[in-house]
Amino acid sequence: MNVSAIASTLASPVPAADKAAAAADAAAKSAEAVSARKKVAGQFEAILVRQLLSKSVGSMLGGDDVAGSVYGDMMTDSLAQNLTAGQGLGLGRMIEQQLTPPASHAPAARTSASP
């Protein structure tokens, strides 16, 4: 049995193509995570705005009948979606910042003092 041949194949470094593929996969997962955070933050902002508007729109319409309630809900949803579309009110950006994990290594931010 040729043990040296087996040992040399096990000890060989990972090919550069495998490293590049792993880096590409990590970049794709990172981009997907950023996109997912933006989407979730925008959705949460819309829900929050809808909750804030629901009382004021209901009081503007006046009546307590079913038709007024349904119309008020539709109007509240439409207002919330339009207010949070695009840049929104800024709540989504703050929520996204809170959802973003802190950078594990920030070499540019660190400064070392020499003795």
PDB file of N, CA and C in Angstrom:
ATOM      1  N   MET A   1       0.850  -1.177   0.000  1.00  0.00           N
ATOM      2  CA  MET A   1       0.000   0.000   0.000  1.00  0.00           C
ATOM      3  C   MET A   1       0.886   1.227   0.000  1.00  0.00           C
ATOM      4  N   ASN A   2       0.589   2.179  -0.857  1.00  0.00           N
ATOM      5  CA  ASN A   2       1.389   3.382  -0.998  1.00  0.00           C
ATOM      6  C   ASN A   2       0.803   4.486  -0.123  1.00  0.00           C
ATOM      7  N   VAL A   3       1.272   4.584   1.112  1.00  0.00           N
ATOM      8  CA  VAL A   3       0.769   5.536   2.082  1.00  0.00           C
ATOM      9  C   VAL A   3       1.204   6.952   1.730  1.00  0.00           C
ATOM     10  N   SER A   4       2.352   7.131   1.170  1.00  0.00           N
ATOM     11  CA  SER A   4       2.839   8.469   0.841  1.00  0.00           C
ATOM     12  C   SER A   4       1.975   9.134  -0.231  1.00  0.00           C
ATOM     13  N   ALA A   5       1.454   8.362  -1.178  1.00  0.00           N
ATOM     14  CA  ALA A   5       0.586   8.926  -2.214  1.00  0.00           C
ATOM     15  C   ALA A   5      -0.731   9.390  -1.608  1.00  0.00           C
ATOM     16  N   ILE A   6      -1.258   8.624  -0.681  1.00  0.00           N
ATOM     17  CA  ILE A   6      -2.510   9.006  -0.027  1.00  0.00           C
ATOM     18  C   ILE A   6      -2.284  10.238   0.839  1.00  0.00           C
ATOM     19  N   ALA A   7      -1.200  10.270   1.564  1.00  0.00           N
ATOM     20  CA  ALA A   7      -0.903  11.401   2.428  1.00  0.00           C
ATOM     21  C   ALA A   7      -0.681  12.667   1.620  1.00  0.00           C
ATOM     22  N   SER A   8      -0.046  12.555   0.454  1.00  0.00           N
ATOM     23  CA  SER A   8       0.198  13.755  -0.349  1.00  0.00           C
ATOM     24  C   SER A   8      -1.097  14.311  -0.929  1.00  0.00           C
ATOM     25  N   THR A   9      -2.065  13.454  -1.252  1.00  0.00           N
ATOM     26  CA  THR A   9      -3.333  13.967  -1.778  1.00  0.00           C
ATOM     27  C   THR A   9      -4.177  14.585  -0.672  1.00  0.00           C
ATOM     28  N   LEU A  10      -4.073  14.048   0.526  1.00  0.00           N
ATOM     29  CA  LEU A  10      -4.817  14.619   1.645  1.00  0.00           C
ATOM     30  C   LEU A  10      -4.225  15.942   2.101  1.00  0.00           C
ATOM     31  N   ALA A  11      -2.942  16.091   1.982  1.00  0.00           N
ATOM     32  CA  ALA A  11      -2.275  17.294   2.450  1.00  0.00           C
ATOM     33  C   ALA A  11      -2.257  18.393   1.401  1.00  0.00           C
ATOM     34  N   SER A  12      -2.742  18.115   0.196  1.00  0.00           N
ATOM     35  CA  SER A  12      -2.691  19.134  -0.850  1.00  0.00           C
ATOM     36  C   SER A  12      -3.630  20.278  -0.504  1.00  0.00           C
ATOM     37  N   PRO A  13      -3.243  21.498  -0.824  1.00  0.00           N
ATOM     38  CA  PRO A  13      -4.090  22.648  -0.503  1.00  0.00           C
ATOM     39  C   PRO A  13      -5.346  22.672  -1.356  1.00  0.00           C
ATOM     40  N   VAL A  14      -6.325  23.417  -0.887  1.00  0.00           N
ATOM     41  CA  VAL A  14      -7.587  23.569  -1.606  1.00  0.00           C
ATOM     42  C   VAL A  14      -7.304  24.354  -2.878  1.00  0.00           C
ATOM     43  N   PRO A  15      -7.774  23.862  -4.022  1.00  0.00           N
ATOM     44  CA  PRO A  15      -7.534  24.578  -5.276  1.00  0.00           C
ATOM     45  C   PRO A  15      -8.118  25.991  -5.240  1.00  0.00           C
ATOM     46  N   ALA A  16      -7.507  26.882  -6.015  1.00  0.00           N
ATOM     47  CA  ALA A  16      -7.946  28.282  -6.056  1.00  0.00           C
ATOM     48  C   ALA A  16      -9.374  28.405  -6.572  1.00  0.00           C
ATOM     49  N   ALA A  17      -9.771  27.501  -7.464  1.00  0.00           N
ATOM     50  CA  ALA A  17     -11.137  27.551  -8.002  1.00  0.00           C
ATOM     51  C   ALA A  17     -12.155  27.304  -6.893  1.00  0.00           C
ATOM     52  N   ASP A  18     -11.836  26.376  -5.978  1.00  0.00           N
ATOM     53  CA  ASP A  18     -12.744  26.105  -4.865  1.00  0.00           C
ATOM     54  C   ASP A  18     -12.835  27.313  -3.936  1.00  0.00           C
ATOM     55  N   LYS A  19     -11.712  27.979  -3.704  1.00  0.00           N
ATOM     56  CA  LYS A  19     -11.717  29.175  -2.859  1.00  0.00           C
ATOM     57  C   LYS A  19     -12.536  30.286  -3.495  1.00  0.00           C
ATOM     58  N   ALA A  20     -12.397  30.449  -4.816  1.00  0.00           N
ATOM     59  CA  ALA A  20     -13.160  31.492  -5.516  1.00  0.00           C
ATOM     60  C   ALA A  20     -14.655  31.184  -5.483  1.00  0.00           C
ATOM     61  N   ALA A  21     -15.003  29.910  -5.633  1.00  0.00           N
ATOM     62  CA  ALA A  21     -16.416  29.526  -5.595  1.00  0.00           C
ATOM     63  C   ALA A  21     -16.993  29.770  -4.202  1.00  0.00           C
ATOM     64  N   ALA A  22     -16.214  29.456  -3.173  1.00  0.00           N
ATOM     65  CA  ALA A  22     -16.677  29.698  -1.808  1.00  0.00           C
ATOM     66  C   ALA A  22     -16.852  31.187  -1.538  1.00  0.00           C
ATOM     67  N   ALA A  23     -15.939  32.008  -2.057  1.00  0.00           N
ATOM     68  CA  ALA A  23     -16.048  33.457  -1.882  1.00  0.00           C
ATOM     69  C   ALA A  23     -17.264  34.002  -2.622  1.00  0.00           C
ATOM     70  N   ALA A  24     -17.537  33.460  -3.816  1.00  0.00           N
ATOM     71  CA  ALA A  24     -18.704  33.902  -4.584  1.00  0.00           C
ATOM     72  C   ALA A  24     -19.994  33.517  -3.865  1.00  0.00           C
ATOM     73  N   ASP A  25     -20.014  32.307  -3.284  1.00  0.00           N
ATOM     74  CA  ASP A  25     -21.196  31.880  -2.524  1.00  0.00           C
ATOM     75  C   ASP A  25     -21.422  32.768  -1.308  1.00  0.00           C
ATOM     76  N   ALA A  26     -20.341  33.114  -0.616  1.00  0.00           N
ATOM     77  CA  ALA A  26     -20.458  33.979   0.561  1.00  0.00           C
ATOM     78  C   ALA A  26     -20.959  35.361   0.168  1.00  0.00           C
ATOM     79  N   ALA A  27     -20.472  35.890  -0.959  1.00  0.00           N
ATOM     80  CA  ALA A  27     -20.922  37.207  -1.424  1.00  0.00           C
ATOM     81  C   ALA A  27     -22.397  37.173  -1.810  1.00  0.00           C
ATOM     82  N   ALA A  28     -22.825  36.086  -2.453  1.00  0.00           N
ATOM     83  CA  ALA A  28     -24.228  35.963  -2.847  1.00  0.00           C
ATOM     84  C   ALA A  28     -25.134  35.875  -1.617  1.00  0.00           C
ATOM     85  N   LYS A  29     -24.700  35.112  -0.614  1.00  0.00           N
ATOM     86  CA  LYS A  29     -25.490  34.997   0.618  1.00  0.00           C
ATOM     87  C   LYS A  29     -25.552  36.332   1.343  1.00  0.00           C
ATOM     88  N   SER A  30     -24.456  37.076   1.313  1.00  0.00           N
ATOM     89  CA  SER A  30     -24.433  38.388   1.960  1.00  0.00           C
ATOM     90  C   SER A  30     -25.389  39.350   1.253  1.00  0.00           C
ATOM     91  N   ALA A  31     -25.386  39.323  -0.070  1.00  0.00           N
ATOM     92  CA  ALA A  31     -26.288  40.192  -0.828  1.00  0.00           C
ATOM     93  C   ALA A  31     -27.742  39.817  -0.573  1.00  0.00           C
ATOM     94  N   GLU A  32     -28.023  38.511  -0.473  1.00  0.00           N
ATOM     95  CA  GLU A  32     -29.383  38.070  -0.178  1.00  0.00           C
ATOM     96  C   GLU A  32     -29.811  38.510   1.219  1.00  0.00           C
ATOM     97  N   ALA A  33     -28.883  38.472   2.169  1.00  0.00           N
ATOM     98  CA  ALA A  33     -29.196  38.884   3.535  1.00  0.00           C
ATOM     99  C   ALA A  33     -29.501  40.372   3.595  1.00  0.00           C
ATOM    100  N   VAL A  34     -28.733  41.175   2.868  1.00  0.00           N
ATOM    101  CA  VAL A  34     -28.969  42.621   2.838  1.00  0.00           C
ATOM    102  C   VAL A  34     -30.337  42.907   2.217  1.00  0.00           C
ATOM    103  N   SER A  35     -30.645  42.225   1.128  1.00  0.00           N
ATOM    104  CA  SER A  35     -31.931  42.417   0.465  1.00  0.00           C
ATOM    105  C   SER A  35     -33.085  42.010   1.382  1.00  0.00           C
ATOM    106  N   ALA A  36     -32.911  40.899   2.088  1.00  0.00           N
ATOM    107  CA  ALA A  36     -33.961  40.432   2.993  1.00  0.00           C
ATOM    108  C   ALA A  36     -34.172  41.416   4.144  1.00  0.00           C
ATOM    109  N   ARG A  37     -33.071  41.971   4.680  1.00  0.00           N
ATOM    110  CA  ARG A  37     -33.205  42.954   5.762  1.00  0.00           C
ATOM    111  C   ARG A  37     -33.940  44.197   5.285  1.00  0.00           C
ATOM    112  N   LYS A  38     -33.633  44.675   4.080  1.00  0.00           N
ATOM    113  CA  LYS A  38     -34.319  45.849   3.547  1.00  0.00           C
ATOM    114  C   LYS A  38     -35.810  45.582   3.369  1.00  0.00           C
ATOM    115  N   LYS A  39     -36.133  44.401   2.866  1.00  0.00           N
ATOM    116  CA  LYS A  39     -37.529  44.050   2.630  1.00  0.00           C
ATOM    117  C   LYS A  39     -38.298  43.969   3.947  1.00  0.00           C
ATOM    118  N   VAL A  40     -37.727  43.293   4.923  1.00  0.00           N
ATOM    119  CA  VAL A  40     -38.381  43.141   6.220  1.00  0.00           C
ATOM    120  C   VAL A  40     -38.542  44.491   6.911  1.00  0.00           C
ATOM    121  N   ALA A  41     -37.507  45.336   6.838  1.00  0.00           N
ATOM    122  CA  ALA A  41     -37.581  46.656   7.466  1.00  0.00           C
ATOM    123  C   ALA A  41     -38.671  47.502   6.816  1.00  0.00           C
ATOM    124  N   GLY A  42     -38.786  47.440   5.495  1.00  0.00           N
ATOM    125  CA  GLY A  42     -39.831  48.185   4.797  1.00  0.00           C
ATOM    126  C   GLY A  42     -41.221  47.691   5.160  1.00  0.00           C
ATOM    127  N   GLN A  43     -41.372  46.375   5.269  1.00  0.00           N
ATOM    128  CA  GLN A  43     -42.668  45.813   5.646  1.00  0.00           C
ATOM    129  C   GLN A  43     -43.049  46.211   7.068  1.00  0.00           C
ATOM    130  N   PHE A  44     -42.085  46.182   7.962  1.00  0.00           N
ATOM    131  CA  PHE A  44     -42.374  46.556   9.345  1.00  0.00           C
ATOM    132  C   PHE A  44     -42.733  48.036   9.431  1.00  0.00           C
ATOM    133  N   GLU A  45     -42.052  48.873   8.651  1.00  0.00           N
ATOM    134  CA  GLU A  45     -42.374  50.298   8.628  1.00  0.00           C
ATOM    135  C   GLU A  45     -43.812  50.504   8.153  1.00  0.00           C
ATOM    136  N   ALA A  46     -44.216  49.765   7.113  1.00  0.00           N
ATOM    137  CA  ALA A  46     -45.588  49.897   6.608  1.00  0.00           C
ATOM    138  C   ALA A  46     -46.606  49.469   7.659  1.00  0.00           C
ATOM    139  N   ILE A  47     -46.315  48.405   8.397  1.00  0.00           N
ATOM    140  CA  ILE A  47     -47.230  47.951   9.451  1.00  0.00           C
ATOM    141  C   ILE A  47     -47.339  48.998  10.549  1.00  0.00           C
ATOM    142  N   LEU A  48     -46.210  49.557  10.940  1.00  0.00           N
ATOM    143  CA  LEU A  48     -46.209  50.563  11.993  1.00  0.00           C
ATOM    144  C   LEU A  48     -46.979  51.815  11.569  1.00  0.00           C
ATOM    145  N   VAL A  49     -46.775  52.264  10.347  1.00  0.00           N
ATOM    146  CA  VAL A  49     -47.492  53.445   9.845  1.00  0.00           C
ATOM    147  C   VAL A  49     -48.987  53.146   9.748  1.00  0.00           C
ATOM    148  N   ARG A  50     -49.329  51.933   9.321  1.00  0.00           N
ATOM    149  CA  ARG A  50     -50.739  51.552   9.239  1.00  0.00           C
ATOM    150  C   ARG A  50     -51.401  51.614  10.617  1.00  0.00           C
ATOM    151  N   GLN A  51     -50.680  51.151  11.639  1.00  0.00           N
ATOM    152  CA  GLN A  51     -51.220  51.201  12.996  1.00  0.00           C
ATOM    153  C   GLN A  51     -51.393  52.647  13.474  1.00  0.00           C
ATOM    154  N   LEU A  52     -50.439  53.499  13.132  1.00  0.00           N
ATOM    155  CA  LEU A  52     -50.527  54.901  13.539  1.00  0.00           C
ATOM    156  C   LEU A  52     -51.672  55.627  12.835  1.00  0.00           C
ATOM    157  N   LEU A  53     -51.905  55.272  11.578  1.00  0.00           N
ATOM    158  CA  LEU A  53     -52.941  55.955  10.802  1.00  0.00           C
ATOM    159  C   LEU A  53     -54.351  55.432  11.074  1.00  0.00           C
ATOM    160  N   SER A  54     -54.473  54.222  11.581  1.00  0.00           N
ATOM    161  CA  SER A  54     -55.789  53.605  11.687  1.00  0.00           C
ATOM    162  C   SER A  54     -56.757  54.410  12.556  1.00  0.00           C
ATOM    163  N   LYS A  55     -56.296  54.944  13.651  1.00  0.00           N
ATOM    164  CA  LYS A  55     -57.179  55.728  14.532  1.00  0.00           C
ATOM    165  C   LYS A  55     -57.572  57.052  13.895  1.00  0.00           C
ATOM    166  N   SER A  56     -56.617  57.712  13.255  1.00  0.00           N
ATOM    167  CA  SER A  56     -56.932  59.023  12.686  1.00  0.00           C
ATOM    168  C   SER A  56     -57.840  58.914  11.467  1.00  0.00           C
ATOM    169  N   VAL A  57     -57.629  57.919  10.632  1.00  0.00           N
ATOM    170  CA  VAL A  57     -58.489  57.748   9.459  1.00  0.00           C
ATOM    171  C   VAL A  57     -59.892  57.340   9.903  1.00  0.00           C
ATOM    172  N   GLY A  58     -59.978  56.485  10.901  1.00  0.00           N
ATOM    173  CA  GLY A  58     -61.289  56.077  11.417  1.00  0.00           C
ATOM    174  C   GLY A  58     -62.067  57.243  11.981  1.00  0.00           C
ATOM    175  N   SER A  59     -61.391  58.144  12.662  1.00  0.00           N
ATOM    176  CA  SER A  59     -62.088  59.299  13.225  1.00  0.00           C
ATOM    177  C   SER A  59     -62.466  60.305  12.141  1.00  0.00           C
ATOM    178  N   MET A  60     -61.726  60.355  11.040  1.00  0.00           N
ATOM    179  CA  MET A  60     -62.062  61.269   9.938  1.00  0.00           C
ATOM    180  C   MET A  60     -63.336  60.831   9.238  1.00  0.00           C
ATOM    181  N   LEU A  61     -63.529  59.510   9.118  1.00  0.00           N
ATOM    182  CA  LEU A  61     -64.694  59.014   8.391  1.00  0.00           C
ATOM    183  C   LEU A  61     -65.961  59.080   9.229  1.00  0.00           C
ATOM    184  N   GLY A  62     -65.815  59.064  10.509  1.00  0.00           N
ATOM    185  CA  GLY A  62     -66.969  59.260  11.370  1.00  0.00           C
ATOM    186  C   GLY A  62     -67.717  58.008  11.726  1.00  0.00           C
ATOM    187  N   GLY A  63     -68.530  57.475  10.846  1.00  0.00           N
ATOM    188  CA  GLY A  63     -69.470  56.402  11.170  1.00  0.00           C
ATOM    189  C   GLY A  63     -68.834  55.120  11.666  1.00  0.00           C
ATOM    190  N   ASP A  64     -69.648  54.360  12.402  1.00  0.00           N
ATOM    191  CA  ASP A  64     -69.206  53.078  12.924  1.00  0.00           C
ATOM    192  C   ASP A  64     -69.800  51.914  12.138  1.00  0.00           C
ATOM    193  N   ASP A  65     -70.403  52.186  10.969  1.00  0.00           N
ATOM    194  CA  ASP A  65     -71.009  51.109  10.201  1.00  0.00           C
ATOM    195  C   ASP A  65     -69.928  50.267   9.508  1.00  0.00           C
ATOM    196  N   VAL A  66     -70.318  49.115   9.010  1.00  0.00           N
ATOM    197  CA  VAL A  66     -69.386  48.166   8.409  1.00  0.00           C
ATOM    198  C   VAL A  66     -68.754  48.740   7.143  1.00  0.00           C
ATOM    199  N   ALA A  67     -69.547  49.383   6.319  1.00  0.00           N
ATOM    200  CA  ALA A  67     -69.027  49.933   5.072  1.00  0.00           C
ATOM    201  C   ALA A  67     -67.958  50.994   5.350  1.00  0.00           C
ATOM    202  N   GLY A  68     -68.213  51.850   6.319  1.00  0.00           N
ATOM    203  CA  GLY A  68     -67.233  52.871   6.671  1.00  0.00           C
ATOM    204  C   GLY A  68     -65.961  52.255   7.223  1.00  0.00           C
ATOM    205  N   SER A  69     -66.113  51.170   7.978  1.00  0.00           N
ATOM    206  CA  SER A  69     -64.952  50.485   8.540  1.00  0.00           C
ATOM    207  C   SER A  69     -64.100  49.846   7.445  1.00  0.00           C
ATOM    208  N   VAL A  70     -64.748  49.193   6.492  1.00  0.00           N
ATOM    209  CA  VAL A  70     -64.017  48.556   5.391  1.00  0.00           C
ATOM    210  C   VAL A  70     -63.331  49.624   4.545  1.00  0.00           C
ATOM    211  N   TYR A  71     -64.049  50.699   4.232  1.00  0.00           N
ATOM    212  CA  TYR A  71     -63.474  51.784   3.446  1.00  0.00           C
ATOM    213  C   TYR A  71     -62.309  52.428   4.204  1.00  0.00           C
ATOM    214  N   GLY A  72     -62.460  52.610   5.498  1.00  0.00           N
ATOM    215  CA  GLY A  72     -61.388  53.190   6.305  1.00  0.00           C
ATOM    216  C   GLY A  72     -60.152  52.305   6.335  1.00  0.00           C
ATOM    217  N   ASP A  73     -60.348  50.976   6.428  1.00  0.00           N
ATOM    218  CA  ASP A  73     -59.216  50.050   6.400  1.00  0.00           C
ATOM    219  C   ASP A  73     -58.500  50.090   5.061  1.00  0.00           C
ATOM    220  N   MET A  74     -59.278  50.140   3.975  1.00  0.00           N
ATOM    221  CA  MET A  74     -58.669  50.212   2.645  1.00  0.00           C
ATOM    222  C   MET A  74     -57.900  51.514   2.471  1.00  0.00           C
ATOM    223  N   MET A  75     -58.467  52.592   2.952  1.00  0.00           N
ATOM    224  CA  MET A  75     -57.814  53.893   2.841  1.00  0.00           C
ATOM    225  C   MET A  75     -56.548  53.931   3.696  1.00  0.00           C
ATOM    226  N   THR A  76     -56.597  53.361   4.872  1.00  0.00           N
ATOM    227  CA  THR A  76     -55.419  53.306   5.741  1.00  0.00           C
ATOM    228  C   THR A  76     -54.312  52.491   5.099  1.00  0.00           C
ATOM    229  N   ASP A  77     -54.653  51.335   4.529  1.00  0.00           N
ATOM    230  CA  ASP A  77     -53.652  50.512   3.856  1.00  0.00           C
ATOM    231  C   ASP A  77     -53.015  51.253   2.691  1.00  0.00           C
ATOM    232  N   SER A  78     -53.829  51.920   1.904  1.00  0.00           N
ATOM    233  CA  SER A  78     -53.321  52.664   0.755  1.00  0.00           C
ATOM    234  C   SER A  78     -52.403  53.804   1.189  1.00  0.00           C
ATOM    235  N   LEU A  79     -52.806  54.546   2.202  1.00  0.00           N
ATOM    236  CA  LEU A  79     -51.964  55.637   2.714  1.00  0.00           C
ATOM    237  C   LEU A  79     -50.641  55.110   3.268  1.00  0.00           C
ATOM    238  N   ALA A  80     -50.691  54.029   4.018  1.00  0.00           N
ATOM    239  CA  ALA A  80     -49.478  53.459   4.599  1.00  0.00           C
ATOM    240  C   ALA A  80     -48.529  52.972   3.517  1.00  0.00           C
ATOM    241  N   GLN A  81     -49.062  52.325   2.485  1.00  0.00           N
ATOM    242  CA  GLN A  81     -48.210  51.842   1.398  1.00  0.00           C
ATOM    243  C   GLN A  81     -47.575  52.994   0.635  1.00  0.00           C
ATOM    244  N   ASN A  82     -48.343  54.045   0.383  1.00  0.00           N
ATOM    245  CA  ASN A  82     -47.799  55.192  -0.349  1.00  0.00           C
ATOM    246  C   ASN A  82     -46.794  55.984   0.479  1.00  0.00           C
ATOM    247  N   LEU A  83     -47.034  56.089   1.777  1.00  0.00           N
ATOM    248  CA  LEU A  83     -46.097  56.823   2.632  1.00  0.00           C
ATOM    249  C   LEU A  83     -44.767  56.091   2.794  1.00  0.00           C
ATOM    250  N   THR A  84     -44.809  54.766   2.778  1.00  0.00           N
ATOM    251  CA  THR A  84     -43.586  53.995   2.999  1.00  0.00           C
ATOM    252  C   THR A  84     -42.926  53.539   1.701  1.00  0.00           C
ATOM    253  N   ALA A  85     -43.508  53.853   0.551  1.00  0.00           N
ATOM    254  CA  ALA A  85     -42.896  53.477  -0.720  1.00  0.00           C
ATOM    255  C   ALA A  85     -41.637  54.319  -0.955  1.00  0.00           C
ATOM    256  N   GLY A  86     -40.685  53.741  -1.653  1.00  0.00           N
ATOM    257  CA  GLY A  86     -39.444  54.459  -1.934  1.00  0.00           C
ATOM    258  C   GLY A  86     -38.613  54.654  -0.681  1.00  0.00           C
ATOM    259  N   GLN A  87     -38.273  55.890  -0.377  1.00  0.00           N
ATOM    260  CA  GLN A  87     -37.466  56.187   0.813  1.00  0.00           C
ATOM    261  C   GLN A  87     -38.265  56.036   2.099  1.00  0.00           C
ATOM    262  N   GLY A  88     -39.571  56.148   2.013  1.00  0.00           N
ATOM    263  CA  GLY A  88     -40.401  56.009   3.204  1.00  0.00           C
ATOM    264  C   GLY A  88     -40.227  57.168   4.158  1.00  0.00           C
ATOM    265  N   LEU A  89     -40.491  56.909   5.408  1.00  0.00           N
ATOM    266  CA  LEU A  89     -40.390  57.937   6.439  1.00  0.00           C
ATOM    267  C   LEU A  89     -39.045  57.911   7.155  1.00  0.00           C
ATOM    268  N   GLY A  90     -38.213  56.939   6.837  1.00  0.00           N
ATOM    269  CA  GLY A  90     -36.919  56.818   7.499  1.00  0.00           C
ATOM    270  C   GLY A  90     -36.906  55.772   8.589  1.00  0.00           C
ATOM    271  N   LEU A  91     -38.066  55.291   8.977  1.00  0.00           N
ATOM    272  CA  LEU A  91     -38.125  54.261  10.012  1.00  0.00           C
ATOM    273  C   LEU A  91     -37.525  52.954   9.507  1.00  0.00           C
ATOM    274  N   GLY A  92     -37.749  52.640   8.235  1.00  0.00           N
ATOM    275  CA  GLY A  92     -37.222  51.407   7.658  1.00  0.00           C
ATOM    276  C   GLY A  92     -35.710  51.364   7.685  1.00  0.00           C
ATOM    277  N   ARG A  93     -35.066  52.494   7.413  1.00  0.00           N
ATOM    278  CA  ARG A  93     -33.595  52.539   7.449  1.00  0.00           C
ATOM    279  C   ARG A  93     -33.080  52.311   8.865  1.00  0.00           C
ATOM    280  N   MET A  94     -33.758  52.893   9.845  1.00  0.00           N
ATOM    281  CA  MET A  94     -33.338  52.687  11.237  1.00  0.00           C
ATOM    282  C   MET A  94     -33.549  51.238  11.665  1.00  0.00           C
ATOM    283  N   ILE A  95     -34.655  50.647  11.245  1.00  0.00           N
ATOM    284  CA  ILE A  95     -34.918  49.248  11.576  1.00  0.00           C
ATOM    285  C   ILE A  95     -33.879  48.355  10.903  1.00  0.00           C
ATOM    286  N   GLU A  96     -33.549  48.667   9.655  1.00  0.00           N
ATOM    287  CA  GLU A  96     -32.529  47.892   8.934  1.00  0.00           C
ATOM    288  C   GLU A  96     -31.179  47.973   9.638  1.00  0.00           C
ATOM    289  N   GLN A  97     -30.821  49.144  10.131  1.00  0.00           N
ATOM    290  CA  GLN A  97     -29.561  49.289  10.869  1.00  0.00           C
ATOM    291  C   GLN A  97     -29.574  48.435  12.130  1.00  0.00           C
ATOM    292  N   GLN A  98     -30.724  48.350  12.793  1.00  0.00           N
ATOM    293  CA  GLN A  98     -30.814  47.536  14.000  1.00  0.00           C
ATOM    294  C   GLN A  98     -30.738  46.047  13.680  1.00  0.00           C
ATOM    295  N   LEU A  99     -31.219  45.653  12.499  1.00  0.00           N
ATOM    296  CA  LEU A  99     -31.177  44.250  12.103  1.00  0.00           C
ATOM    297  C   LEU A  99     -29.811  43.825  11.576  1.00  0.00           C
ATOM    298  N   THR A 100     -28.995  44.793  11.168  1.00  0.00           N
ATOM    299  CA  THR A 100     -27.681  44.483  10.610  1.00  0.00           C
ATOM    300  C   THR A 100     -26.725  44.118  11.733  1.00  0.00           C
ATOM    301  N   PRO A 101     -26.086  42.941  11.628  1.00  0.00           N
ATOM    302  CA  PRO A 101     -25.136  42.560  12.680  1.00  0.00           C
ATOM    303  C   PRO A 101     -23.907  43.460  12.641  1.00  0.00           C
ATOM    304  N   PRO A 102     -23.319  43.726  13.794  1.00  0.00           N
ATOM    305  CA  PRO A 102     -22.121  44.572  13.808  1.00  0.00           C
ATOM    306  C   PRO A 102     -20.972  43.875  13.092  1.00  0.00           C
ATOM    307  N   ALA A 103     -20.110  44.658  12.481  1.00  0.00           N
ATOM    308  CA  ALA A 103     -18.959  44.109  11.771  1.00  0.00           C
ATOM    309  C   ALA A 103     -18.028  43.450  12.776  1.00  0.00           C
ATOM    310  N   SER A 104     -17.600  42.254  12.464  1.00  0.00           N
ATOM    311  CA  SER A 104     -16.744  41.539  13.405  1.00  0.00           C
ATOM    312  C   SER A 104     -15.339  42.112  13.424  1.00  0.00           C
ATOM    313  N   HIS A 105     -14.878  42.589  12.274  1.00  0.00           N
ATOM    314  CA  HIS A 105     -13.552  43.194  12.207  1.00  0.00           C
ATOM    315  C   HIS A 105     -13.653  44.494  11.426  1.00  0.00           C
ATOM    316  N   ALA A 106     -13.228  45.553  12.038  1.00  0.00           N
ATOM    317  CA  ALA A 106     -13.220  46.855  11.372  1.00  0.00           C
ATOM    318  C   ALA A 106     -11.808  47.425  11.459  1.00  0.00           C
ATOM    319  N   PRO A 107     -10.885  46.974  10.585  1.00  0.00           N
ATOM    320  CA  PRO A 107      -9.503  47.419  10.710  1.00  0.00           C
ATOM    321  C   PRO A 107      -9.317  48.898  10.435  1.00  0.00           C
ATOM    322  N   ALA A 108     -10.161  49.489   9.612  1.00  0.00           N
ATOM    323  CA  ALA A 108     -10.009  50.912   9.312  1.00  0.00           C
ATOM    324  C   ALA A 108     -10.396  51.772  10.506  1.00  0.00           C
ATOM    325  N   ALA A 109     -11.305  51.251  11.325  1.00  0.00           N
ATOM    326  CA  ALA A 109     -11.773  52.036  12.467  1.00  0.00           C
ATOM    327  C   ALA A 109     -10.793  51.963  13.641  1.00  0.00           C
ATOM    328  N   ARG A 110      -9.982  50.920  13.669  1.00  0.00           N
ATOM    329  CA  ARG A 110      -9.050  50.757  14.778  1.00  0.00           C
ATOM    330  C   ARG A 110      -7.764  51.519  14.517  1.00  0.00           C
ATOM    331  N   THR A 111      -7.260  52.105  15.532  1.00  0.00           N
ATOM    332  CA  THR A 111      -5.952  52.749  15.445  1.00  0.00           C
ATOM    333  C   THR A 111      -5.111  52.234  16.586  1.00  0.00           C
ATOM    334  N   SER A 112      -3.904  51.848  16.271  1.00  0.00           N
ATOM    335  CA  SER A 112      -3.047  51.342  17.327  1.00  0.00           C
ATOM    336  C   SER A 112      -2.059  52.417  17.735  1.00  0.00           C
ATOM    337  N   ALA A 113      -1.935  52.600  19.007  1.00  0.00           N
ATOM    338  CA  ALA A 113      -1.006  53.611  19.528  1.00  0.00           C
ATOM    339  C   ALA A 113       0.322  52.946  19.766  1.00  0.00           C
ATOM    340  N   SER A 114       1.360  53.556  19.273  1.00  0.00           N
ATOM    341  CA  SER A 114       2.692  52.991  19.490  1.00  0.00           C
ATOM    342  C   SER A 114       3.260  53.527  20.796  1.00  0.00           C
ATOM    343  N   PRO A 115       3.933  52.664  21.569  1.00  0.00           N
ATOM    344  CA  PRO A 115       4.441  53.095  22.892  1.00  0.00           C
ATOM    345  C   PRO A 115       5.618  54.005  22.791  1.00  0.00           C
TER     346      PRO A 115
END
